[in-house]
N, C-alpha and C. Protein backbone atom coordinates (compact mmCIF):
# COMPACT_ATOMS: atom_id res chain seq x y z
N MET A 1 36.07 -8.11 9.71
CA MET A 1 37.03 -7.26 10.41
C MET A 1 38.03 -8.18 11.11
N GLU A 2 39.29 -7.86 10.99
CA GLU A 2 40.36 -8.67 11.56
C GLU A 2 40.92 -7.98 12.80
N LEU A 3 41.66 -8.75 13.59
CA LEU A 3 42.29 -8.21 14.79
C LEU A 3 43.32 -7.15 14.41
N THR A 4 43.90 -7.29 13.24
CA THR A 4 44.91 -6.32 12.80
C THR A 4 44.28 -4.99 12.44
N ASP A 5 42.94 -4.95 12.28
CA ASP A 5 42.25 -3.69 11.98
C ASP A 5 42.17 -2.80 13.21
N VAL A 6 42.34 -3.35 14.39
CA VAL A 6 42.31 -2.56 15.62
C VAL A 6 43.65 -1.85 15.74
N PRO A 7 43.67 -0.54 15.97
CA PRO A 7 44.94 0.17 16.11
C PRO A 7 45.81 -0.47 17.19
N ALA A 8 47.11 -0.43 16.95
CA ALA A 8 48.06 -1.10 17.85
C ALA A 8 47.97 -0.55 19.27
N THR A 9 47.79 0.75 19.41
CA THR A 9 47.72 1.33 20.77
C THR A 9 46.50 0.82 21.51
N LEU A 10 45.38 0.72 20.81
CA LEU A 10 44.16 0.21 21.45
C LEU A 10 44.31 -1.27 21.75
N ARG A 11 44.92 -2.03 20.84
CA ARG A 11 45.12 -3.46 21.06
C ARG A 11 46.04 -3.68 22.26
N ASP A 12 47.10 -2.87 22.37
CA ASP A 12 48.01 -3.00 23.51
C ASP A 12 47.30 -2.64 24.81
N ARG A 13 46.48 -1.62 24.75
CA ARG A 13 45.78 -1.14 25.96
C ARG A 13 44.71 -2.14 26.41
N LEU A 14 43.96 -2.69 25.45
CA LEU A 14 42.88 -3.62 25.79
C LEU A 14 43.39 -5.05 26.01
N GLY A 15 44.40 -5.40 25.32
CA GLY A 15 44.87 -6.78 25.37
C GLY A 15 44.33 -7.54 24.17
N HIS A 16 44.94 -8.66 23.90
CA HIS A 16 44.59 -9.44 22.72
C HIS A 16 43.15 -9.96 22.79
N GLU A 17 42.75 -10.53 23.92
CA GLU A 17 41.41 -11.11 24.05
C GLU A 17 40.33 -10.03 24.00
N ALA A 18 40.55 -8.92 24.66
CA ALA A 18 39.55 -7.84 24.66
C ALA A 18 39.42 -7.24 23.27
N ALA A 19 40.52 -7.07 22.56
CA ALA A 19 40.45 -6.54 21.20
C ALA A 19 39.71 -7.52 20.29
N ALA A 20 39.95 -8.81 20.45
CA ALA A 20 39.24 -9.81 19.66
C ALA A 20 37.75 -9.78 20.02
N GLY A 21 37.43 -9.61 21.29
CA GLY A 21 36.03 -9.50 21.70
C GLY A 21 35.36 -8.27 21.11
N LEU A 22 36.12 -7.16 21.06
CA LEU A 22 35.59 -5.93 20.47
C LEU A 22 35.29 -6.14 18.99
N ILE A 23 36.19 -6.79 18.29
CA ILE A 23 35.97 -7.10 16.88
C ILE A 23 34.74 -7.97 16.72
N GLU A 24 34.61 -8.97 17.58
CA GLU A 24 33.45 -9.87 17.52
C GLU A 24 32.15 -9.11 17.79
N LEU A 25 32.18 -8.19 18.75
CA LEU A 25 31.00 -7.38 19.06
C LEU A 25 30.61 -6.53 17.85
N PHE A 26 31.59 -5.87 17.25
CA PHE A 26 31.29 -5.05 16.07
C PHE A 26 30.72 -5.92 14.94
N THR A 27 31.26 -7.07 14.73
CA THR A 27 30.79 -7.97 13.68
C THR A 27 29.36 -8.42 13.96
N ASP A 28 29.06 -8.78 15.22
CA ASP A 28 27.69 -9.20 15.59
C ASP A 28 26.69 -8.08 15.39
N VAL A 29 27.07 -6.87 15.83
CA VAL A 29 26.16 -5.72 15.69
C VAL A 29 25.91 -5.44 14.21
N GLN A 30 26.97 -5.51 13.42
CA GLN A 30 26.79 -5.27 11.98
C GLN A 30 25.88 -6.32 11.35
N GLU A 31 26.02 -7.59 11.72
CA GLU A 31 25.17 -8.65 11.18
C GLU A 31 23.71 -8.45 11.59
N GLU A 32 23.48 -8.11 12.86
CA GLU A 32 22.11 -7.87 13.33
C GLU A 32 21.50 -6.69 12.59
N TRP A 33 22.24 -5.61 12.46
CA TRP A 33 21.73 -4.42 11.78
C TRP A 33 21.41 -4.75 10.32
N THR A 34 22.30 -5.46 9.66
CA THR A 34 22.10 -5.83 8.26
C THR A 34 20.85 -6.70 8.11
N THR A 35 20.67 -7.67 9.00
CA THR A 35 19.50 -8.54 8.96
C THR A 35 18.22 -7.74 9.13
N GLU A 36 18.20 -6.84 10.10
CA GLU A 36 17.01 -6.02 10.34
C GLU A 36 16.70 -5.13 9.15
N MET A 37 17.72 -4.54 8.56
CA MET A 37 17.48 -3.66 7.43
C MET A 37 16.97 -4.45 6.22
N VAL A 38 17.49 -5.64 6.00
CA VAL A 38 17.01 -6.48 4.90
C VAL A 38 15.54 -6.83 5.13
N GLU A 39 15.17 -7.14 6.37
CA GLU A 39 13.77 -7.45 6.69
C GLU A 39 12.89 -6.23 6.45
N ARG A 40 13.34 -5.05 6.86
CA ARG A 40 12.54 -3.82 6.68
C ARG A 40 12.35 -3.53 5.19
N VAL A 41 13.42 -3.67 4.41
CA VAL A 41 13.32 -3.42 2.98
C VAL A 41 12.37 -4.45 2.35
N GLY A 42 12.46 -5.70 2.78
CA GLY A 42 11.55 -6.73 2.28
C GLY A 42 10.11 -6.40 2.60
N ASP A 43 9.86 -5.92 3.82
CA ASP A 43 8.50 -5.50 4.21
C ASP A 43 8.01 -4.39 3.30
N ARG A 44 8.87 -3.46 3.02
CA ARG A 44 8.48 -2.31 2.17
C ARG A 44 8.13 -2.78 0.76
N PHE A 45 8.96 -3.71 0.22
CA PHE A 45 8.66 -4.23 -1.11
C PHE A 45 7.36 -5.01 -1.12
N ARG A 46 7.10 -5.78 -0.06
CA ARG A 46 5.84 -6.52 0.00
C ARG A 46 4.66 -5.56 0.04
N LEU A 47 4.78 -4.48 0.79
CA LEU A 47 3.71 -3.48 0.87
C LEU A 47 3.49 -2.84 -0.50
N THR A 48 4.58 -2.53 -1.19
CA THR A 48 4.46 -1.95 -2.53
C THR A 48 3.80 -2.96 -3.48
N ASP A 49 4.16 -4.22 -3.35
CA ASP A 49 3.58 -5.26 -4.19
C ASP A 49 2.08 -5.38 -3.93
N GLU A 50 1.67 -5.37 -2.67
CA GLU A 50 0.25 -5.44 -2.33
C GLU A 50 -0.48 -4.22 -2.88
N ASN A 51 0.13 -3.06 -2.77
CA ASN A 51 -0.47 -1.83 -3.29
C ASN A 51 -0.67 -1.95 -4.80
N THR A 52 0.32 -2.50 -5.50
CA THR A 52 0.22 -2.70 -6.94
C THR A 52 -0.90 -3.68 -7.28
N LYS A 53 -1.00 -4.75 -6.50
CA LYS A 53 -2.07 -5.73 -6.74
C LYS A 53 -3.44 -5.09 -6.58
N VAL A 54 -3.58 -4.25 -5.55
CA VAL A 54 -4.86 -3.57 -5.35
C VAL A 54 -5.18 -2.67 -6.54
N ARG A 55 -4.18 -1.94 -7.02
CA ARG A 55 -4.40 -1.07 -8.18
C ARG A 55 -4.78 -1.87 -9.41
N VAL A 56 -4.12 -3.02 -9.62
CA VAL A 56 -4.44 -3.86 -10.78
C VAL A 56 -5.87 -4.38 -10.66
N GLU A 57 -6.24 -4.85 -9.45
CA GLU A 57 -7.60 -5.34 -9.26
C GLU A 57 -8.62 -4.23 -9.51
N MET A 58 -8.31 -3.03 -9.04
CA MET A 58 -9.23 -1.91 -9.26
C MET A 58 -9.37 -1.62 -10.75
N ALA A 59 -8.25 -1.62 -11.47
CA ALA A 59 -8.29 -1.35 -12.91
C ALA A 59 -9.11 -2.43 -13.63
N GLN A 60 -8.92 -3.69 -13.21
CA GLN A 60 -9.69 -4.76 -13.83
C GLN A 60 -11.17 -4.61 -13.51
N GLY A 61 -11.47 -4.23 -12.28
CA GLY A 61 -12.86 -4.02 -11.89
C GLY A 61 -13.49 -2.90 -12.69
N PHE A 62 -12.76 -1.80 -12.85
CA PHE A 62 -13.28 -0.68 -13.64
C PHE A 62 -13.51 -1.11 -15.09
N ALA A 63 -12.57 -1.89 -15.63
CA ALA A 63 -12.71 -2.34 -17.01
C ALA A 63 -13.95 -3.24 -17.15
N ALA A 64 -14.18 -4.10 -16.17
CA ALA A 64 -15.36 -4.97 -16.22
C ALA A 64 -16.64 -4.14 -16.14
N VAL A 65 -16.64 -3.12 -15.29
CA VAL A 65 -17.82 -2.25 -15.19
C VAL A 65 -18.05 -1.54 -16.52
N ARG A 66 -16.97 -1.03 -17.13
CA ARG A 66 -17.10 -0.36 -18.43
C ARG A 66 -17.66 -1.32 -19.49
N GLN A 67 -17.15 -2.56 -19.49
CA GLN A 67 -17.63 -3.53 -20.46
C GLN A 67 -19.11 -3.83 -20.25
N GLU A 68 -19.49 -4.01 -18.99
CA GLU A 68 -20.89 -4.29 -18.70
C GLU A 68 -21.78 -3.12 -19.13
N MET A 69 -21.31 -1.91 -18.85
CA MET A 69 -22.10 -0.75 -19.24
C MET A 69 -22.18 -0.63 -20.76
N THR A 70 -21.07 -0.89 -21.45
CA THR A 70 -21.07 -0.84 -22.92
C THR A 70 -22.02 -1.88 -23.49
N ALA A 71 -21.96 -3.09 -22.94
CA ALA A 71 -22.85 -4.15 -23.41
C ALA A 71 -24.31 -3.78 -23.11
N GLY A 72 -24.54 -3.22 -21.94
CA GLY A 72 -25.90 -2.80 -21.58
C GLY A 72 -26.40 -1.71 -22.51
N PHE A 73 -25.55 -0.74 -22.81
CA PHE A 73 -25.95 0.33 -23.71
C PHE A 73 -26.19 -0.21 -25.13
N ALA A 74 -25.35 -1.15 -25.56
CA ALA A 74 -25.54 -1.73 -26.90
C ALA A 74 -26.87 -2.48 -26.96
N ALA A 75 -27.14 -3.25 -25.91
CA ALA A 75 -28.41 -3.98 -25.87
C ALA A 75 -29.58 -3.00 -25.81
N LEU A 76 -29.42 -1.95 -25.02
CA LEU A 76 -30.47 -0.94 -24.92
C LEU A 76 -30.69 -0.26 -26.26
N ARG A 77 -29.59 0.08 -26.96
CA ARG A 77 -29.71 0.68 -28.29
C ARG A 77 -30.43 -0.25 -29.25
N GLN A 78 -30.05 -1.55 -29.17
CA GLN A 78 -30.69 -2.53 -30.04
C GLN A 78 -32.18 -2.63 -29.75
N GLU A 79 -32.48 -2.69 -28.46
CA GLU A 79 -33.89 -2.77 -28.07
C GLU A 79 -34.65 -1.51 -28.48
N MET A 80 -34.00 -0.37 -28.32
CA MET A 80 -34.66 0.89 -28.68
C MET A 80 -34.86 0.98 -30.19
N THR A 81 -33.91 0.48 -30.97
CA THR A 81 -34.06 0.50 -32.42
C THR A 81 -35.25 -0.36 -32.83
N THR A 82 -35.30 -1.55 -32.26
CA THR A 82 -36.42 -2.45 -32.57
C THR A 82 -37.73 -1.84 -32.09
N GLY A 83 -37.68 -1.30 -30.86
CA GLY A 83 -38.89 -0.69 -30.31
C GLY A 83 -39.33 0.52 -31.08
N SER A 84 -38.38 1.29 -31.59
CA SER A 84 -38.77 2.49 -32.33
C SER A 84 -39.42 2.13 -33.66
N ALA A 85 -38.98 1.02 -34.28
CA ALA A 85 -39.65 0.60 -35.52
C ALA A 85 -41.10 0.23 -35.23
N ALA A 86 -41.28 -0.51 -34.13
CA ALA A 86 -42.65 -0.88 -33.75
C ALA A 86 -43.44 0.36 -33.34
N LEU A 87 -42.74 1.28 -32.68
CA LEU A 87 -43.40 2.50 -32.25
C LEU A 87 -43.86 3.32 -33.45
N ARG A 88 -43.02 3.41 -34.45
CA ARG A 88 -43.42 4.14 -35.66
C ARG A 88 -44.68 3.53 -36.28
N GLN A 89 -44.65 2.19 -36.29
CA GLN A 89 -45.80 1.50 -36.89
C GLN A 89 -47.06 1.76 -36.06
N GLU A 90 -46.90 1.67 -34.72
CA GLU A 90 -48.07 1.88 -33.86
C GLU A 90 -48.48 3.34 -33.83
N MET A 91 -47.49 4.26 -33.92
CA MET A 91 -47.82 5.68 -33.93
C MET A 91 -48.64 6.02 -35.18
N THR A 92 -48.32 5.32 -36.25
CA THR A 92 -49.10 5.55 -37.45
C THR A 92 -50.55 5.20 -37.20
N THR A 93 -50.77 4.22 -36.40
CA THR A 93 -52.15 3.82 -36.10
C THR A 93 -52.71 4.62 -34.94
N GLY A 94 -51.90 5.48 -34.36
CA GLY A 94 -52.42 6.37 -33.31
C GLY A 94 -52.28 5.84 -31.91
N SER A 95 -51.21 5.08 -31.57
CA SER A 95 -51.08 4.51 -30.22
C SER A 95 -50.22 5.41 -29.34
N ALA A 96 -50.81 6.31 -28.63
CA ALA A 96 -50.10 7.19 -27.70
C ALA A 96 -49.77 6.49 -26.39
N VAL A 97 -50.46 5.39 -26.12
CA VAL A 97 -50.23 4.65 -24.87
C VAL A 97 -48.83 4.05 -24.85
N LEU A 98 -48.39 3.55 -25.96
CA LEU A 98 -47.05 2.95 -26.04
C LEU A 98 -45.97 3.98 -25.75
N ARG A 99 -46.14 5.18 -26.27
CA ARG A 99 -45.18 6.24 -26.02
C ARG A 99 -45.07 6.52 -24.51
N GLN A 100 -46.20 6.55 -23.83
CA GLN A 100 -46.20 6.80 -22.38
C GLN A 100 -45.49 5.67 -21.63
N GLU A 101 -45.70 4.43 -22.01
CA GLU A 101 -45.05 3.30 -21.36
C GLU A 101 -43.53 3.35 -21.55
N MET A 102 -43.08 3.71 -22.75
CA MET A 102 -41.64 3.80 -22.98
C MET A 102 -41.01 4.94 -22.19
N THR A 103 -41.71 6.04 -22.10
CA THR A 103 -41.21 7.16 -21.32
C THR A 103 -41.06 6.76 -19.86
N THR A 104 -42.06 6.07 -19.34
CA THR A 104 -42.01 5.61 -17.95
C THR A 104 -40.88 4.59 -17.76
N GLY A 105 -40.75 3.68 -18.71
CA GLY A 105 -39.69 2.67 -18.62
C GLY A 105 -38.30 3.29 -18.64
N CYS A 106 -38.10 4.28 -19.48
CA CYS A 106 -36.80 4.97 -19.55
C CYS A 106 -36.51 5.71 -18.25
N ALA A 107 -37.54 6.32 -17.68
CA ALA A 107 -37.34 7.02 -16.41
C ALA A 107 -36.94 6.06 -15.31
N VAL A 108 -37.61 4.92 -15.27
CA VAL A 108 -37.26 3.91 -14.26
C VAL A 108 -35.84 3.40 -14.49
N LEU A 109 -35.51 3.16 -15.75
CA LEU A 109 -34.16 2.70 -16.07
C LEU A 109 -33.12 3.73 -15.66
N ARG A 110 -33.37 5.01 -15.93
CA ARG A 110 -32.44 6.06 -15.52
C ARG A 110 -32.30 6.09 -14.00
N GLN A 111 -33.41 5.97 -13.30
CA GLN A 111 -33.36 5.97 -11.83
C GLN A 111 -32.54 4.80 -11.32
N GLU A 112 -32.76 3.62 -11.89
CA GLU A 112 -32.00 2.44 -11.47
C GLU A 112 -30.51 2.62 -11.75
N MET A 113 -30.19 3.15 -12.92
CA MET A 113 -28.78 3.36 -13.25
C MET A 113 -28.16 4.41 -12.34
N THR A 114 -28.89 5.46 -12.04
CA THR A 114 -28.39 6.49 -11.14
C THR A 114 -28.17 5.92 -9.74
N ALA A 115 -29.13 5.14 -9.26
CA ALA A 115 -29.00 4.55 -7.93
C ALA A 115 -27.82 3.57 -7.90
N GLY A 116 -27.67 2.76 -8.95
CA GLY A 116 -26.55 1.81 -9.00
C GLY A 116 -25.21 2.53 -9.05
N SER A 117 -25.15 3.60 -9.82
CA SER A 117 -23.92 4.38 -9.92
C SER A 117 -23.58 5.03 -8.59
N ALA A 118 -24.59 5.56 -7.91
CA ALA A 118 -24.35 6.18 -6.60
C ALA A 118 -23.89 5.15 -5.58
N ALA A 119 -24.49 3.97 -5.60
CA ALA A 119 -24.08 2.92 -4.67
C ALA A 119 -22.64 2.49 -4.95
N LEU A 120 -22.29 2.37 -6.23
CA LEU A 120 -20.91 1.99 -6.59
C LEU A 120 -19.93 3.05 -6.12
N ARG A 121 -20.28 4.34 -6.34
CA ARG A 121 -19.40 5.42 -5.88
C ARG A 121 -19.22 5.36 -4.37
N GLN A 122 -20.31 5.12 -3.64
CA GLN A 122 -20.25 5.07 -2.17
C GLN A 122 -19.36 3.91 -1.71
N GLU A 123 -19.52 2.74 -2.33
CA GLU A 123 -18.69 1.59 -1.97
C GLU A 123 -17.21 1.86 -2.25
N MET A 124 -16.94 2.48 -3.39
CA MET A 124 -15.55 2.79 -3.72
C MET A 124 -14.97 3.82 -2.75
N THR A 125 -15.75 4.82 -2.39
CA THR A 125 -15.27 5.83 -1.44
C THR A 125 -14.97 5.19 -0.09
N THR A 126 -15.86 4.32 0.37
CA THR A 126 -15.65 3.64 1.64
C THR A 126 -14.41 2.75 1.58
N GLY A 127 -14.27 2.02 0.48
CA GLY A 127 -13.10 1.13 0.33
C GLY A 127 -11.80 1.91 0.30
N PHE A 128 -11.79 3.02 -0.43
CA PHE A 128 -10.57 3.83 -0.50
C PHE A 128 -10.25 4.44 0.86
N ALA A 129 -11.27 4.87 1.58
CA ALA A 129 -11.02 5.45 2.90
C ALA A 129 -10.42 4.41 3.84
N ALA A 130 -10.96 3.19 3.80
CA ALA A 130 -10.41 2.12 4.64
C ALA A 130 -8.98 1.79 4.24
N PHE A 131 -8.72 1.76 2.94
CA PHE A 131 -7.37 1.47 2.47
C PHE A 131 -6.39 2.55 2.90
N ARG A 132 -6.81 3.83 2.76
CA ARG A 132 -5.94 4.93 3.18
C ARG A 132 -5.64 4.85 4.68
N GLN A 133 -6.66 4.53 5.48
CA GLN A 133 -6.46 4.44 6.93
C GLN A 133 -5.49 3.31 7.26
N GLU A 134 -5.66 2.17 6.60
CA GLU A 134 -4.77 1.03 6.85
C GLU A 134 -3.34 1.36 6.44
N LEU A 135 -3.20 2.05 5.33
CA LEU A 135 -1.87 2.45 4.88
C LEU A 135 -1.24 3.43 5.86
N ALA A 136 -2.02 4.37 6.36
CA ALA A 136 -1.51 5.34 7.34
C ALA A 136 -1.10 4.63 8.63
N ASP A 137 -1.91 3.66 9.08
CA ASP A 137 -1.57 2.91 10.29
C ASP A 137 -0.27 2.13 10.11
N THR A 138 -0.12 1.53 8.93
CA THR A 138 1.09 0.76 8.66
C THR A 138 2.31 1.68 8.63
N ARG A 139 2.18 2.84 8.01
CA ARG A 139 3.30 3.79 7.98
C ARG A 139 3.67 4.24 9.40
N PHE A 140 2.65 4.50 10.22
CA PHE A 140 2.92 4.94 11.59
C PHE A 140 3.67 3.85 12.36
N GLU A 141 3.21 2.61 12.23
CA GLU A 141 3.87 1.50 12.92
C GLU A 141 5.33 1.38 12.47
N LEU A 142 5.55 1.50 11.19
CA LEU A 142 6.90 1.39 10.65
C LEU A 142 7.78 2.51 11.19
N LEU A 143 7.28 3.74 11.20
CA LEU A 143 8.05 4.86 11.75
C LEU A 143 8.31 4.69 13.24
N LYS A 144 7.31 4.21 13.96
CA LYS A 144 7.45 4.02 15.40
C LYS A 144 8.58 3.03 15.70
N TRP A 145 8.55 1.90 15.01
CA TRP A 145 9.56 0.88 15.29
C TRP A 145 10.94 1.31 14.78
N THR A 146 10.98 2.07 13.72
CA THR A 146 12.26 2.59 13.24
C THR A 146 12.84 3.54 14.27
N PHE A 147 12.00 4.40 14.84
CA PHE A 147 12.45 5.33 15.87
C PHE A 147 12.98 4.56 17.08
N VAL A 148 12.24 3.54 17.51
CA VAL A 148 12.68 2.74 18.67
C VAL A 148 14.02 2.09 18.37
N PHE A 149 14.20 1.57 17.18
CA PHE A 149 15.45 0.93 16.80
C PHE A 149 16.60 1.93 16.88
N TRP A 150 16.42 3.13 16.30
CA TRP A 150 17.51 4.09 16.27
C TRP A 150 17.81 4.67 17.64
N VAL A 151 16.80 4.85 18.46
CA VAL A 151 17.05 5.32 19.82
C VAL A 151 17.85 4.26 20.58
N GLY A 152 17.49 3.01 20.42
CA GLY A 152 18.25 1.92 21.04
C GLY A 152 19.69 1.90 20.56
N GLN A 153 19.88 2.10 19.26
CA GLN A 153 21.22 2.14 18.71
C GLN A 153 22.02 3.31 19.28
N LEU A 154 21.34 4.45 19.45
CA LEU A 154 22.01 5.63 20.01
C LEU A 154 22.49 5.36 21.43
N PHE A 155 21.62 4.77 22.25
CA PHE A 155 22.01 4.48 23.63
C PHE A 155 23.13 3.44 23.68
N ALA A 156 23.06 2.44 22.82
CA ALA A 156 24.11 1.42 22.79
C ALA A 156 25.44 2.05 22.39
N LEU A 157 25.41 2.92 21.38
CA LEU A 157 26.64 3.58 20.94
C LEU A 157 27.17 4.51 22.02
N ALA A 158 26.29 5.25 22.68
CA ALA A 158 26.71 6.16 23.75
C ALA A 158 27.35 5.37 24.90
N GLY A 159 26.74 4.22 25.24
CA GLY A 159 27.32 3.38 26.29
C GLY A 159 28.67 2.85 25.89
N PHE A 160 28.78 2.43 24.65
CA PHE A 160 30.05 1.91 24.17
C PHE A 160 31.13 2.99 24.19
N VAL A 161 30.78 4.19 23.73
CA VAL A 161 31.74 5.30 23.74
C VAL A 161 32.15 5.64 25.17
N ALA A 162 31.20 5.62 26.10
CA ALA A 162 31.52 5.92 27.50
C ALA A 162 32.50 4.88 28.06
N VAL A 163 32.26 3.61 27.74
CA VAL A 163 33.17 2.55 28.21
C VAL A 163 34.54 2.73 27.56
N LEU A 164 34.55 3.04 26.29
CA LEU A 164 35.79 3.22 25.57
C LEU A 164 36.59 4.40 26.14
N ILE A 165 35.90 5.49 26.44
CA ILE A 165 36.57 6.66 27.02
C ILE A 165 37.15 6.32 28.40
N ARG A 166 36.40 5.57 29.18
CA ARG A 166 36.87 5.20 30.52
C ARG A 166 38.15 4.36 30.44
N PHE A 167 38.22 3.45 29.46
CA PHE A 167 39.39 2.59 29.32
C PHE A 167 40.57 3.35 28.71
N LEU A 168 40.28 4.30 27.85
CA LEU A 168 41.37 5.01 27.16
C LEU A 168 41.89 6.21 27.96
N ARG A 169 41.15 6.68 28.94
CA ARG A 169 41.56 7.83 29.74
C ARG A 169 42.81 7.43 30.53
N PRO A 170 43.82 8.28 30.49
CA PRO A 170 45.04 7.94 31.25
C PRO A 170 44.73 7.93 32.75
N SER A 171 45.23 6.90 33.42
CA SER A 171 44.98 6.84 34.87
C SER A 171 45.91 7.81 35.55
N GLY A 172 45.32 8.58 36.40
CA GLY A 172 46.15 9.64 36.96
C GLY A 172 45.72 10.06 38.24
């Protein structure tokens, strides 16, 4: 902003030095505001980036769990296929004891898998709840400081307008 941007009547009324000071004040306020807004936007992008990283980590974790479960099921299928061949052979000879042991083993395996799945669900629920709370706290802090900034700007502008009106009012 140049001194020539100030209307001639205001420049004549304020004087050359005061008009130059007014221009300097406007320039400083604009630079401060621009700096703060760039910082706020940067904070928002960093928060979005962190959120994306968390989502990627979660997706990778889920994929690893799926792979482990698939491998476990494949191994279990393989073991069951081998075991069933032996079971057929032993059943032919009349071994009912083996059938009972496999039934018990499968029940224990199901219980362990159910317990592991429930524990994983509980951990994920707790983690998501903590993440949501942290995100809500961050949003609240951001809104709070934004409100404080704008209220301060409002008072500064009101004070400036009051001073401007006092100087521009015809003395009478």
